Amino acid sequence: MKIQLYGKQMTVRDSLRTAVEKKLTKFDKFFGEDTEAFVTCRTRKGVKIIEITVIYEGTTFRSEEESETFITALDRAVESLEGQIRKNKTRLEKKMKRDAFSIVTDDDDDEYVEEEEFEIRVKTFPFKPMTAEEAILQMNLLGHSFYAFINADSGETCVVYKRKEGSYGLIVPG
């Protein structure tokens, strides 16, 4: 696995780099050598935060954990990712076509646009046609409450979202 480690507004120490590499070797049994893992470390109000994003054959697995130490946050993030992989492994193998998902990464190049009182985080990523079911799976893997995608059947830009009672919704242009 190829690991890219970033520190946001900090320098990543060699001891943390070694710990990240050691922990992520656990995923070699799930992914191939050319799988990319992006690990971002940052501190916010004294809390240590580790975000791990693994992109495998177009599917994105993501975990973000915070703790008092980077090592504890790393342990929790790795555990969370492993749970996602195990939970969705069968579903991914049976239902999904190869390269069904677009590659989504959390770049350090996010733009911040200031409008009146609002700070808006702008993200850009390529849309790839997929079914609503595939979009729901991708949304759950990312841990988001909604996901925009291009509907493979109609070619329209749609949004799936998680409803309060746990079911899912689909927004289509009218």
N, C-alpha and C. Protein backbone atom coordinates (compact mmCIF):
# COMPACT_ATOMS: atom_id res chain seq x y z
N MET A 1 0.84 -1.17 0.00
CA MET A 1 0.00 0.00 0.00
C MET A 1 0.89 1.24 0.00
N LYS A 2 0.51 2.20 -0.83
CA LYS A 2 1.24 3.47 -0.89
C LYS A 2 0.60 4.42 0.11
N ILE A 3 1.39 4.92 1.04
CA ILE A 3 0.88 5.79 2.09
C ILE A 3 1.43 7.19 1.90
N GLN A 4 0.52 8.16 1.87
CA GLN A 4 0.91 9.56 1.81
C GLN A 4 0.45 10.21 3.10
N LEU A 5 1.39 10.70 3.88
CA LEU A 5 1.12 11.26 5.20
C LEU A 5 1.31 12.77 5.16
N TYR A 6 0.28 13.49 5.61
CA TYR A 6 0.29 14.94 5.61
C TYR A 6 0.07 15.46 7.03
N GLY A 7 0.67 16.58 7.33
CA GLY A 7 0.40 17.28 8.57
C GLY A 7 -0.17 18.64 8.23
N LYS A 8 -1.38 18.93 8.69
CA LYS A 8 -1.98 20.24 8.44
C LYS A 8 -1.54 21.18 9.54
N GLN A 9 -0.81 22.20 9.14
CA GLN A 9 -0.27 23.21 10.05
C GLN A 9 0.56 22.58 11.16
N MET A 10 1.29 21.51 10.82
CA MET A 10 2.17 20.85 11.77
C MET A 10 3.17 20.00 10.99
N THR A 11 4.24 19.61 11.65
CA THR A 11 5.22 18.71 11.08
C THR A 11 5.01 17.34 11.70
N VAL A 12 4.93 16.32 10.86
CA VAL A 12 4.70 14.95 11.34
C VAL A 12 6.04 14.37 11.78
N ARG A 13 6.09 13.93 13.03
CA ARG A 13 7.32 13.33 13.56
C ARG A 13 7.54 11.93 12.97
N ASP A 14 8.81 11.53 12.95
CA ASP A 14 9.16 10.21 12.42
C ASP A 14 8.48 9.09 13.21
N SER A 15 8.32 9.26 14.52
CA SER A 15 7.69 8.22 15.34
C SER A 15 6.23 8.01 14.93
N LEU A 16 5.53 9.10 14.61
CA LEU A 16 4.14 9.00 14.16
C LEU A 16 4.10 8.39 12.75
N ARG A 17 5.01 8.80 11.90
CA ARG A 17 5.09 8.25 10.54
C ARG A 17 5.29 6.73 10.59
N THR A 18 6.19 6.27 11.46
CA THR A 18 6.46 4.84 11.62
C THR A 18 5.22 4.11 12.14
N ALA A 19 4.54 4.70 13.11
CA ALA A 19 3.34 4.09 13.67
C ALA A 19 2.24 3.96 12.62
N VAL A 20 2.06 5.00 11.80
CA VAL A 20 1.04 4.98 10.74
C VAL A 20 1.36 3.87 9.74
N GLU A 21 2.61 3.81 9.30
CA GLU A 21 3.00 2.78 8.33
C GLU A 21 2.81 1.38 8.90
N LYS A 22 3.16 1.19 10.17
CA LYS A 22 3.01 -0.12 10.80
C LYS A 22 1.54 -0.52 10.91
N LYS A 23 0.69 0.42 11.34
CA LYS A 23 -0.74 0.13 11.51
C LYS A 23 -1.42 -0.16 10.17
N LEU A 24 -1.04 0.58 9.13
CA LEU A 24 -1.71 0.42 7.85
C LEU A 24 -1.26 -0.83 7.09
N THR A 25 -0.17 -1.47 7.51
CA THR A 25 0.21 -2.73 6.88
C THR A 25 -0.85 -3.80 7.14
N LYS A 26 -1.66 -3.59 8.15
CA LYS A 26 -2.77 -4.48 8.47
C LYS A 26 -3.72 -4.62 7.28
N PHE A 27 -3.81 -3.58 6.44
CA PHE A 27 -4.74 -3.58 5.32
C PHE A 27 -4.17 -4.20 4.06
N ASP A 28 -2.91 -4.63 4.10
CA ASP A 28 -2.32 -5.28 2.92
C ASP A 28 -3.09 -6.53 2.53
N LYS A 29 -3.72 -7.18 3.51
CA LYS A 29 -4.49 -8.40 3.20
C LYS A 29 -5.77 -8.09 2.44
N PHE A 30 -6.26 -6.83 2.50
CA PHE A 30 -7.48 -6.43 1.80
C PHE A 30 -7.19 -5.80 0.45
N PHE A 31 -6.10 -5.04 0.36
CA PHE A 31 -5.83 -4.23 -0.81
C PHE A 31 -4.53 -4.63 -1.49
N GLY A 32 -4.39 -4.24 -2.76
CA GLY A 32 -3.17 -4.50 -3.50
C GLY A 32 -2.09 -3.47 -3.22
N GLU A 33 -0.94 -3.67 -3.84
CA GLU A 33 0.21 -2.79 -3.62
C GLU A 33 -0.01 -1.39 -4.15
N ASP A 34 -0.79 -1.26 -5.24
CA ASP A 34 -0.97 0.07 -5.81
C ASP A 34 -2.15 0.82 -5.22
N THR A 35 -2.69 0.33 -4.10
CA THR A 35 -3.75 1.04 -3.40
C THR A 35 -3.13 2.24 -2.68
N GLU A 36 -3.83 3.37 -2.72
CA GLU A 36 -3.33 4.58 -2.09
C GLU A 36 -4.07 4.86 -0.78
N ALA A 37 -3.32 5.23 0.22
CA ALA A 37 -3.89 5.65 1.51
C ALA A 37 -3.37 7.06 1.80
N PHE A 38 -4.30 7.96 2.12
CA PHE A 38 -3.94 9.33 2.46
C PHE A 38 -4.26 9.52 3.94
N VAL A 39 -3.24 9.91 4.71
CA VAL A 39 -3.40 10.10 6.14
C VAL A 39 -3.09 11.57 6.45
N THR A 40 -4.05 12.23 7.09
CA THR A 40 -3.87 13.63 7.45
C THR A 40 -3.93 13.76 8.96
N CYS A 41 -2.94 14.42 9.53
CA CYS A 41 -2.87 14.66 10.98
C CYS A 41 -3.01 16.16 11.23
N ARG A 42 -3.80 16.49 12.25
CA ARG A 42 -3.94 17.90 12.61
C ARG A 42 -4.38 18.00 14.07
N THR A 43 -4.23 19.19 14.61
CA THR A 43 -4.64 19.47 15.98
C THR A 43 -5.65 20.61 15.95
N ARG A 44 -6.76 20.42 16.69
CA ARG A 44 -7.77 21.47 16.78
C ARG A 44 -8.16 21.62 18.25
N LYS A 45 -7.89 22.77 18.80
CA LYS A 45 -8.20 23.07 20.20
C LYS A 45 -7.63 22.01 21.15
N GLY A 46 -6.41 21.61 20.88
CA GLY A 46 -5.72 20.66 21.75
C GLY A 46 -6.08 19.20 21.51
N VAL A 47 -7.02 18.95 20.61
CA VAL A 47 -7.43 17.58 20.30
C VAL A 47 -6.67 17.12 19.05
N LYS A 48 -6.13 15.92 19.10
CA LYS A 48 -5.39 15.35 17.97
C LYS A 48 -6.38 14.63 17.05
N ILE A 49 -6.29 14.91 15.75
CA ILE A 49 -7.22 14.34 14.78
C ILE A 49 -6.44 13.64 13.68
N ILE A 50 -6.85 12.40 13.38
CA ILE A 50 -6.27 11.65 12.27
C ILE A 50 -7.39 11.27 11.32
N GLU A 51 -7.16 11.56 10.04
CA GLU A 51 -8.11 11.21 8.99
C GLU A 51 -7.40 10.27 8.02
N ILE A 52 -8.00 9.11 7.77
CA ILE A 52 -7.43 8.15 6.83
C ILE A 52 -8.42 7.95 5.69
N THR A 53 -7.93 8.08 4.47
CA THR A 53 -8.74 7.84 3.27
C THR A 53 -8.00 6.82 2.43
N VAL A 54 -8.66 5.70 2.13
CA VAL A 54 -8.08 4.64 1.31
C VAL A 54 -8.91 4.54 0.04
N ILE A 55 -8.24 4.61 -1.10
CA ILE A 55 -8.93 4.50 -2.38
C ILE A 55 -8.52 3.18 -3.01
N TYR A 56 -9.54 2.31 -3.20
CA TYR A 56 -9.29 0.98 -3.73
C TYR A 56 -10.23 0.72 -4.89
N GLU A 57 -9.67 0.56 -6.08
CA GLU A 57 -10.44 0.28 -7.29
C GLU A 57 -11.62 1.24 -7.43
N GLY A 58 -11.39 2.52 -7.15
CA GLY A 58 -12.43 3.53 -7.32
C GLY A 58 -13.36 3.70 -6.13
N THR A 59 -13.27 2.84 -5.12
CA THR A 59 -14.11 2.95 -3.93
C THR A 59 -13.30 3.62 -2.83
N THR A 60 -13.94 4.55 -2.14
CA THR A 60 -13.25 5.32 -1.11
C THR A 60 -13.71 4.87 0.28
N PHE A 61 -12.77 4.50 1.11
CA PHE A 61 -13.02 4.19 2.52
C PHE A 61 -12.42 5.33 3.32
N ARG A 62 -13.16 5.85 4.30
CA ARG A 62 -12.67 7.02 5.03
C ARG A 62 -13.02 6.91 6.51
N SER A 63 -12.08 7.34 7.33
CA SER A 63 -12.32 7.37 8.78
C SER A 63 -11.61 8.60 9.34
N GLU A 64 -12.29 9.27 10.25
CA GLU A 64 -11.70 10.42 10.94
C GLU A 64 -11.97 10.24 12.42
N GLU A 65 -10.91 10.24 13.22
CA GLU A 65 -11.04 10.04 14.66
C GLU A 65 -10.22 11.09 15.38
N GLU A 66 -10.68 11.43 16.58
CA GLU A 66 -9.95 12.40 17.39
C GLU A 66 -9.76 11.84 18.80
N SER A 67 -8.67 12.26 19.43
CA SER A 67 -8.34 11.79 20.77
C SER A 67 -7.33 12.75 21.38
N GLU A 68 -6.89 12.40 22.59
CA GLU A 68 -5.89 13.24 23.26
C GLU A 68 -4.50 13.02 22.68
N THR A 69 -4.28 11.83 22.05
CA THR A 69 -2.98 11.55 21.43
C THR A 69 -3.20 11.07 20.00
N PHE A 70 -2.20 11.27 19.16
CA PHE A 70 -2.29 10.81 17.78
C PHE A 70 -2.35 9.28 17.70
N ILE A 71 -1.64 8.60 18.57
CA ILE A 71 -1.61 7.13 18.53
C ILE A 71 -2.99 6.56 18.84
N THR A 72 -3.68 7.11 19.83
CA THR A 72 -5.02 6.64 20.15
C THR A 72 -5.98 6.93 19.01
N ALA A 73 -5.89 8.12 18.43
CA ALA A 73 -6.73 8.48 17.29
C ALA A 73 -6.44 7.55 16.11
N LEU A 74 -5.17 7.22 15.90
CA LEU A 74 -4.78 6.31 14.82
C LEU A 74 -5.38 4.92 15.05
N ASP A 75 -5.27 4.42 16.27
CA ASP A 75 -5.85 3.10 16.59
C ASP A 75 -7.35 3.07 16.30
N ARG A 76 -8.05 4.11 16.71
CA ARG A 76 -9.50 4.18 16.49
C ARG A 76 -9.84 4.28 15.00
N ALA A 77 -9.07 5.07 14.26
CA ALA A 77 -9.32 5.23 12.83
C ALA A 77 -9.08 3.92 12.08
N VAL A 78 -8.03 3.21 12.43
CA VAL A 78 -7.73 1.93 11.79
C VAL A 78 -8.83 0.92 12.11
N GLU A 79 -9.28 0.90 13.35
CA GLU A 79 -10.36 0.00 13.76
C GLU A 79 -11.65 0.33 12.99
N SER A 80 -11.95 1.59 12.85
CA SER A 80 -13.14 2.02 12.12
C SER A 80 -13.07 1.61 10.65
N LEU A 81 -11.91 1.81 10.02
CA LEU A 81 -11.74 1.42 8.62
C LEU A 81 -11.89 -0.08 8.44
N GLU A 82 -11.30 -0.83 9.35
CA GLU A 82 -11.39 -2.29 9.26
C GLU A 82 -12.85 -2.73 9.37
N GLY A 83 -13.61 -2.10 10.24
CA GLY A 83 -15.03 -2.41 10.36
C GLY A 83 -15.79 -2.11 9.08
N GLN A 84 -15.50 -0.97 8.44
CA GLN A 84 -16.15 -0.61 7.18
C GLN A 84 -15.84 -1.64 6.10
N ILE A 85 -14.58 -2.05 6.04
CA ILE A 85 -14.16 -3.00 5.01
C ILE A 85 -14.85 -4.34 5.22
N ARG A 86 -14.82 -4.84 6.44
CA ARG A 86 -15.45 -6.13 6.72
C ARG A 86 -16.96 -6.08 6.48
N LYS A 87 -17.60 -5.00 6.90
CA LYS A 87 -19.05 -4.85 6.75
C LYS A 87 -19.47 -4.82 5.29
N ASN A 88 -18.68 -4.17 4.46
CA ASN A 88 -19.07 -3.96 3.07
C ASN A 88 -18.36 -4.88 2.07
N LYS A 89 -17.47 -5.75 2.54
CA LYS A 89 -16.68 -6.59 1.64
C LYS A 89 -17.56 -7.45 0.74
N THR A 90 -18.50 -8.16 1.31
CA THR A 90 -19.37 -9.03 0.53
C THR A 90 -20.23 -8.22 -0.42
N ARG A 91 -20.78 -7.13 0.07
CA ARG A 91 -21.61 -6.27 -0.75
C ARG A 91 -20.82 -5.72 -1.94
N LEU A 92 -19.61 -5.29 -1.67
CA LEU A 92 -18.77 -4.74 -2.73
C LEU A 92 -18.44 -5.81 -3.76
N GLU A 93 -18.10 -7.01 -3.30
CA GLU A 93 -17.72 -8.09 -4.22
C GLU A 93 -18.90 -8.52 -5.08
N LYS A 94 -20.09 -8.63 -4.50
CA LYS A 94 -21.25 -9.16 -5.22
C LYS A 94 -21.93 -8.14 -6.12
N LYS A 95 -22.17 -6.94 -5.62
CA LYS A 95 -23.05 -6.00 -6.31
C LYS A 95 -22.34 -4.97 -7.19
N MET A 96 -21.13 -4.63 -6.85
CA MET A 96 -20.51 -3.49 -7.51
C MET A 96 -19.66 -3.90 -8.70
N LYS A 97 -19.76 -3.09 -9.73
CA LYS A 97 -18.91 -3.28 -10.90
C LYS A 97 -17.56 -2.65 -10.61
N ARG A 98 -16.54 -3.16 -11.21
CA ARG A 98 -15.21 -2.58 -11.08
C ARG A 98 -15.25 -1.14 -11.59
N ASP A 99 -14.60 -0.22 -10.90
CA ASP A 99 -14.54 1.20 -11.26
C ASP A 99 -15.91 1.86 -11.30
N ALA A 100 -16.84 1.42 -10.44
CA ALA A 100 -18.17 2.01 -10.43
C ALA A 100 -18.20 3.37 -9.76
N PHE A 101 -17.25 3.63 -8.88
CA PHE A 101 -17.27 4.86 -8.11
C PHE A 101 -16.22 5.84 -8.61
N SER A 102 -16.52 7.11 -8.39
CA SER A 102 -15.53 8.13 -8.70
C SER A 102 -14.54 8.21 -7.55
N ILE A 103 -13.34 8.64 -7.85
CA ILE A 103 -12.32 8.78 -6.82
C ILE A 103 -12.51 10.12 -6.14
N VAL A 104 -12.69 10.09 -4.83
CA VAL A 104 -12.90 11.30 -4.06
C VAL A 104 -11.77 11.40 -3.06
N THR A 105 -11.06 12.51 -3.06
CA THR A 105 -9.99 12.68 -2.08
C THR A 105 -10.19 13.99 -1.34
N ASP A 106 -9.73 14.03 -0.14
CA ASP A 106 -9.74 15.27 0.63
C ASP A 106 -8.41 15.95 0.37
N ASP A 107 -8.39 16.91 -0.53
CA ASP A 107 -7.16 17.60 -0.86
C ASP A 107 -6.85 18.67 0.17
N ASP A 108 -5.58 18.98 0.28
CA ASP A 108 -5.19 20.10 1.12
C ASP A 108 -5.46 21.42 0.40
N ASP A 109 -5.90 21.34 -0.88
CA ASP A 109 -6.12 22.53 -1.69
C ASP A 109 -7.56 23.00 -1.64
N ASP A 110 -8.33 22.60 -0.62
CA ASP A 110 -9.71 23.05 -0.52
C ASP A 110 -9.74 24.57 -0.48
N GLU A 111 -10.74 25.15 -1.15
CA GLU A 111 -10.88 26.59 -1.17
C GLU A 111 -11.85 27.01 -0.09
N TYR A 112 -11.59 28.13 0.50
CA TYR A 112 -12.50 28.70 1.47
C TYR A 112 -13.00 30.02 0.93
N VAL A 113 -14.30 30.14 0.77
CA VAL A 113 -14.90 31.33 0.20
C VAL A 113 -15.70 32.02 1.30
N GLU A 114 -15.40 33.27 1.52
CA GLU A 114 -16.07 34.04 2.58
C GLU A 114 -17.22 34.82 1.98
N GLU A 115 -18.45 34.58 2.46
CA GLU A 115 -19.63 35.32 2.03
C GLU A 115 -20.35 35.77 3.28
N GLU A 116 -20.45 37.05 3.49
CA GLU A 116 -21.07 37.63 4.66
C GLU A 116 -20.56 36.92 5.91
N GLU A 117 -21.45 36.17 6.60
CA GLU A 117 -21.06 35.48 7.83
C GLU A 117 -20.67 34.03 7.59
N PHE A 118 -20.85 33.54 6.37
CA PHE A 118 -20.69 32.12 6.09
C PHE A 118 -19.31 31.79 5.54
N GLU A 119 -18.74 30.72 6.04
CA GLU A 119 -17.52 30.18 5.47
C GLU A 119 -17.93 28.94 4.71
N ILE A 120 -17.67 28.92 3.42
CA ILE A 120 -18.10 27.82 2.57
C ILE A 120 -16.87 27.05 2.10
N ARG A 121 -16.87 25.76 2.36
CA ARG A 121 -15.77 24.90 1.92
C ARG A 121 -16.15 24.32 0.57
N VAL A 122 -15.33 24.59 -0.44
CA VAL A 122 -15.61 24.15 -1.80
C VAL A 122 -14.74 22.95 -2.11
N LYS A 123 -15.38 21.85 -2.52
CA LYS A 123 -14.65 20.64 -2.91
C LYS A 123 -14.96 20.33 -4.36
N THR A 124 -13.97 19.88 -5.08
CA THR A 124 -14.15 19.51 -6.47
C THR A 124 -13.72 18.05 -6.63
N PHE A 125 -14.58 17.26 -7.25
CA PHE A 125 -14.23 15.88 -7.57
C PHE A 125 -14.99 15.45 -8.80
N PRO A 126 -14.42 14.48 -9.54
CA PRO A 126 -15.08 14.04 -10.76
C PRO A 126 -16.33 13.20 -10.45
N PHE A 127 -17.39 13.41 -11.21
CA PHE A 127 -18.60 12.61 -11.09
C PHE A 127 -18.50 11.45 -12.07
N LYS A 128 -18.91 10.28 -11.64
CA LYS A 128 -18.93 9.12 -12.50
C LYS A 128 -20.32 8.51 -12.44
N PRO A 129 -20.90 8.11 -13.56
CA PRO A 129 -22.25 7.54 -13.52
C PRO A 129 -22.32 6.30 -12.62
N MET A 130 -23.40 6.21 -11.83
CA MET A 130 -23.62 5.06 -10.95
C MET A 130 -25.10 4.98 -10.64
N THR A 131 -25.51 3.86 -10.06
CA THR A 131 -26.90 3.70 -9.65
C THR A 131 -27.09 4.34 -8.28
N ALA A 132 -28.34 4.54 -7.88
CA ALA A 132 -28.63 5.10 -6.57
C ALA A 132 -28.10 4.18 -5.47
N GLU A 133 -28.20 2.87 -5.67
CA GLU A 133 -27.70 1.91 -4.69
C GLU A 133 -26.18 2.05 -4.50
N GLU A 134 -25.46 2.20 -5.60
CA GLU A 134 -24.01 2.40 -5.52
C GLU A 134 -23.68 3.72 -4.81
N ALA A 135 -24.46 4.76 -5.08
CA ALA A 135 -24.24 6.06 -4.44
C ALA A 135 -24.49 5.96 -2.94
N ILE A 136 -25.51 5.21 -2.52
CA ILE A 136 -25.78 5.03 -1.09
C ILE A 136 -24.62 4.30 -0.43
N LEU A 137 -24.10 3.28 -1.08
CA LEU A 137 -22.96 2.55 -0.51
C LEU A 137 -21.75 3.48 -0.37
N GLN A 138 -21.48 4.27 -1.41
CA GLN A 138 -20.35 5.20 -1.36
C GLN A 138 -20.55 6.23 -0.25
N MET A 139 -21.78 6.76 -0.10
CA MET A 139 -22.09 7.73 0.95
C MET A 139 -21.80 7.12 2.32
N ASN A 140 -22.24 5.87 2.53
CA ASN A 140 -22.02 5.21 3.82
C ASN A 140 -20.54 4.95 4.07
N LEU A 141 -19.80 4.57 3.03
CA LEU A 141 -18.37 4.34 3.19
C LEU A 141 -17.64 5.61 3.59
N LEU A 142 -18.09 6.75 3.07
CA LEU A 142 -17.47 8.03 3.40
C LEU A 142 -17.94 8.58 4.73
N GLY A 143 -19.05 8.05 5.25
CA GLY A 143 -19.58 8.54 6.52
C GLY A 143 -20.31 9.86 6.37
N HIS A 144 -20.82 10.15 5.18
CA HIS A 144 -21.54 11.39 4.94
C HIS A 144 -23.03 11.17 5.05
N SER A 145 -23.79 12.26 5.14
CA SER A 145 -25.25 12.15 5.23
C SER A 145 -25.91 12.36 3.87
N PHE A 146 -25.14 12.74 2.84
CA PHE A 146 -25.66 12.86 1.49
C PHE A 146 -24.53 12.61 0.50
N TYR A 147 -24.90 12.36 -0.76
CA TYR A 147 -23.89 12.10 -1.79
C TYR A 147 -24.47 12.49 -3.15
N ALA A 148 -23.78 13.34 -3.88
CA ALA A 148 -24.19 13.76 -5.22
C ALA A 148 -23.53 12.84 -6.25
N PHE A 149 -24.30 12.48 -7.29
CA PHE A 149 -23.77 11.58 -8.31
C PHE A 149 -24.54 11.77 -9.61
N ILE A 150 -24.01 11.21 -10.69
CA ILE A 150 -24.72 11.20 -11.97
C ILE A 150 -25.41 9.86 -12.09
N ASN A 151 -26.72 9.88 -12.28
CA ASN A 151 -27.51 8.66 -12.40
C ASN A 151 -27.14 7.95 -13.70
N ALA A 152 -26.71 6.68 -13.59
CA ALA A 152 -26.27 5.91 -14.76
C ALA A 152 -27.41 5.68 -15.75
N ASP A 153 -28.65 5.61 -15.25
CA ASP A 153 -29.79 5.35 -16.13
C ASP A 153 -30.26 6.60 -16.87
N SER A 154 -30.38 7.73 -16.16
CA SER A 154 -30.95 8.93 -16.75
C SER A 154 -29.91 9.96 -17.19
N GLY A 155 -28.69 9.88 -16.64
CA GLY A 155 -27.65 10.86 -16.96
C GLY A 155 -27.81 12.17 -16.20
N GLU A 156 -28.80 12.24 -15.28
CA GLU A 156 -29.04 13.46 -14.51
C GLU A 156 -28.22 13.46 -13.23
N THR A 157 -27.92 14.66 -12.75
CA THR A 157 -27.24 14.79 -11.48
C THR A 157 -28.27 14.64 -10.37
N CYS A 158 -28.03 13.71 -9.46
CA CYS A 158 -28.97 13.39 -8.38
C CYS A 158 -28.24 13.43 -7.05
N VAL A 159 -29.01 13.38 -5.97
CA VAL A 159 -28.46 13.36 -4.62
C VAL A 159 -29.19 12.28 -3.83
N VAL A 160 -28.42 11.41 -3.15
CA VAL A 160 -29.02 10.49 -2.18
C VAL A 160 -28.69 11.04 -0.81
N TYR A 161 -29.58 10.78 0.16
CA TYR A 161 -29.34 11.27 1.50
C TYR A 161 -29.95 10.32 2.51
N LYS A 162 -29.43 10.39 3.73
CA LYS A 162 -29.93 9.55 4.82
C LYS A 162 -30.99 10.35 5.57
N ARG A 163 -32.17 9.75 5.73
CA ARG A 163 -33.26 10.40 6.43
C ARG A 163 -33.13 10.17 7.93
N LYS A 164 -33.80 10.99 8.74
CA LYS A 164 -33.68 10.91 10.19
C LYS A 164 -34.07 9.55 10.74
N GLU A 165 -35.08 8.91 10.14
CA GLU A 165 -35.54 7.62 10.66
C GLU A 165 -34.67 6.46 10.17
N GLY A 166 -33.62 6.76 9.40
CA GLY A 166 -32.68 5.73 8.97
C GLY A 166 -32.85 5.25 7.54
N SER A 167 -33.96 5.61 6.90
CA SER A 167 -34.14 5.23 5.50
C SER A 167 -33.36 6.20 4.62
N TYR A 168 -33.44 6.01 3.30
CA TYR A 168 -32.70 6.85 2.37
C TYR A 168 -33.66 7.60 1.46
N GLY A 169 -33.21 8.74 0.98
CA GLY A 169 -33.98 9.54 0.04
C GLY A 169 -33.16 9.79 -1.21
N LEU A 170 -33.85 10.06 -2.31
CA LEU A 170 -33.21 10.35 -3.58
C LEU A 170 -33.82 11.63 -4.13
N ILE A 171 -32.98 12.61 -4.44
CA ILE A 171 -33.44 13.87 -5.03
C ILE A 171 -33.06 13.83 -6.50
N VAL A 172 -34.06 14.02 -7.36
CA VAL A 172 -33.84 14.06 -8.80
C VAL A 172 -34.33 15.40 -9.34
N PRO A 173 -33.71 15.92 -10.40
CA PRO A 173 -34.17 17.20 -10.96
C PRO A 173 -35.58 17.06 -11.50
N GLY A 174 -36.38 18.12 -11.35
CA GLY A 174 -37.78 18.07 -11.78
C GLY A 174 -38.06 18.80 -12.97
